Amino acid sequence: MLVFRSEAHIDRWSAARGLPRGGTLSLDQAWRLARAWYATKAVPEWRRPSVDEAEALFASLGIAGPFWALR
């Protein structure tokens, strides 16, 4: 994960390296995603979220676009 100051900073960083711009998250989205994803990780019955569950979680956090597609 890389942290940037602004959208313009992401664009400059990508252009300087000849890389396409990937998916981005705000710090708030990253925090909420981590909290939801790992909330029950310490429970012995924990299992990885299914593709449908992960997509639903992304959607609930406003995380969308081709980069985040899991299928």
C-alpha atoms as a PDB file:
ATOM      1  CA  MET A   1       0.000   0.000   0.000  1.00  0.00           C
ATOM      2  CA  LEU A   2       1.219   3.470  -0.841  1.00  0.00           C
ATOM      3  CA  VAL A   3      -0.007   6.657   0.788  1.00  0.00           C
ATOM      4  CA  PHE A   4      -0.342   9.837  -1.270  1.00  0.00           C
ATOM      5  CA  ARG A   5      -1.104  13.467  -0.429  1.00  0.00           C
ATOM      6  CA  SER A   6      -3.637  14.032  -3.171  1.00  0.00           C
ATOM      7  CA  GLU A   7      -5.187  12.746  -6.380  1.00  0.00           C
ATOM      8  CA  ALA A   8      -2.649  14.852  -8.316  1.00  0.00           C
ATOM      9  CA  HIS A   9       0.185  13.187  -6.417  1.00  0.00           C
ATOM     10  CA  ILE A  10      -1.128   9.757  -7.459  1.00  0.00           C
ATOM     11  CA  ASP A  11      -1.273  10.884 -11.085  1.00  0.00           C
ATOM     12  CA  ARG A  12       2.295  12.266 -10.996  1.00  0.00           C
ATOM     13  CA  TRP A  13       3.649   9.132  -9.297  1.00  0.00           C
ATOM     14  CA  SER A  14       1.957   6.844 -11.844  1.00  0.00           C
ATOM     15  CA  ALA A  15       3.066   8.913 -14.834  1.00  0.00           C
ATOM     16  CA  ALA A  16       6.671   9.118 -13.628  1.00  0.00           C
ATOM     17  CA  ARG A  17       6.818   5.316 -13.514  1.00  0.00           C
ATOM     18  CA  GLY A  18       4.792   4.625 -16.643  1.00  0.00           C
ATOM     19  CA  LEU A  19       2.210   2.739 -14.600  1.00  0.00           C
ATOM     20  CA  PRO A  20      -1.549   2.833 -14.884  1.00  0.00           C
ATOM     21  CA  ARG A  21      -3.348   4.297 -11.935  1.00  0.00           C
ATOM     22  CA  GLY A  22      -4.666   1.504  -9.733  1.00  0.00           C
ATOM     23  CA  GLY A  23      -7.466   1.442  -7.225  1.00  0.00           C
ATOM     24  CA  THR A  24      -7.498   4.031  -4.495  1.00  0.00           C
ATOM     25  CA  LEU A  25      -9.002   4.242  -1.038  1.00  0.00           C
ATOM     26  CA  SER A  26      -9.362   7.144   1.297  1.00  0.00           C
ATOM     27  CA  LEU A  27      -7.808   6.617   4.722  1.00  0.00           C
ATOM     28  CA  ASP A  28     -11.324   6.346   6.127  1.00  0.00           C
ATOM     29  CA  GLN A  29     -12.254   3.627   3.620  1.00  0.00           C
ATOM     30  CA  ALA A  30      -9.027   1.718   4.337  1.00  0.00           C
ATOM     31  CA  TRP A  31      -9.689   1.873   8.081  1.00  0.00           C
ATOM     32  CA  ARG A  32     -13.320   0.772   7.727  1.00  0.00           C
ATOM     33  CA  LEU A  33     -12.330  -2.041   5.343  1.00  0.00           C
ATOM     34  CA  ALA A  34      -9.640  -3.324   7.720  1.00  0.00           C
ATOM     35  CA  ARG A  35     -11.995  -3.176  10.710  1.00  0.00           C
ATOM     36  CA  ALA A  36     -14.698  -5.113   8.883  1.00  0.00           C
ATOM     37  CA  TRP A  37     -12.337  -7.611   7.191  1.00  0.00           C
ATOM     38  CA  TYR A  38     -10.448  -8.549  10.355  1.00  0.00           C
ATOM     39  CA  ALA A  39     -13.203  -8.080  12.960  1.00  0.00           C
ATOM     40  CA  THR A  40     -13.552 -11.811  13.597  1.00  0.00           C
ATOM     41  CA  LYS A  41     -10.099 -13.017  12.495  1.00  0.00           C
ATOM     42  CA  ALA A  42      -9.200 -14.192  16.048  1.00  0.00           C
ATOM     43  CA  VAL A  43     -12.329 -16.352  16.322  1.00  0.00           C
ATOM     44  CA  PRO A  44     -11.489 -20.052  15.820  1.00  0.00           C
ATOM     45  CA  GLU A  45     -14.411 -20.445  13.373  1.00  0.00           C
ATOM     46  CA  TRP A  46     -13.140 -17.578  11.199  1.00  0.00           C
ATOM     47  CA  ARG A  47     -13.211 -18.107   7.465  1.00  0.00           C
ATOM     48  CA  ARG A  48     -12.230 -15.909   4.594  1.00  0.00           C
ATOM     49  CA  PRO A  49     -15.175 -13.950   3.152  1.00  0.00           C
ATOM     50  CA  SER A  50     -16.646 -15.374  -0.031  1.00  0.00           C
ATOM     51  CA  VAL A  51     -16.397 -13.393  -3.245  1.00  0.00           C
ATOM     52  CA  ASP A  52     -20.018 -12.314  -2.820  1.00  0.00           C
ATOM     53  CA  GLU A  53     -19.403 -11.222   0.788  1.00  0.00           C
ATOM     54  CA  ALA A  54     -16.249  -9.333  -0.159  1.00  0.00           C
ATOM     55  CA  GLU A  55     -17.996  -7.564  -3.033  1.00  0.00           C
ATOM     56  CA  ALA A  56     -20.887  -6.638  -0.734  1.00  0.00           C
ATOM     57  CA  LEU A  57     -18.424  -5.241   1.813  1.00  0.00           C
ATOM     58  CA  PHE A  58     -16.616  -3.207  -0.864  1.00  0.00           C
ATOM     59  CA  ALA A  59     -19.947  -1.832  -2.097  1.00  0.00           C
ATOM     60  CA  SER A  60     -21.037  -0.906   1.433  1.00  0.00           C
ATOM     61  CA  LEU A  61     -17.841   1.149   1.792  1.00  0.00           C
ATOM     62  CA  GLY A  62     -18.161   2.836  -1.606  1.00  0.00           C
ATOM     63  CA  ILE A  63     -15.219   0.879  -3.017  1.00  0.00           C
ATOM     64  CA  ALA A  64     -16.018   0.288  -6.671  1.00  0.00           C
ATOM     65  CA  GLY A  65     -14.521   0.096 -10.123  1.00  0.00           C
ATOM     66  CA  PRO A  66     -12.691  -2.418 -12.318  1.00  0.00           C
ATOM     67  CA  PHE A  67      -9.656  -2.585 -10.000  1.00  0.00           C
ATOM     68  CA  TRP A  68     -11.827  -3.964  -7.195  1.00  0.00           C
ATOM     69  CA  ALA A  69     -13.701  -6.554  -9.288  1.00  0.00           C
ATOM     70  CA  LEU A  70     -13.138 -10.033  -7.879  1.00  0.00           C
ATOM     71  CA  ARG A  71     -14.580 -12.017 -10.777  1.00  0.00           C
END
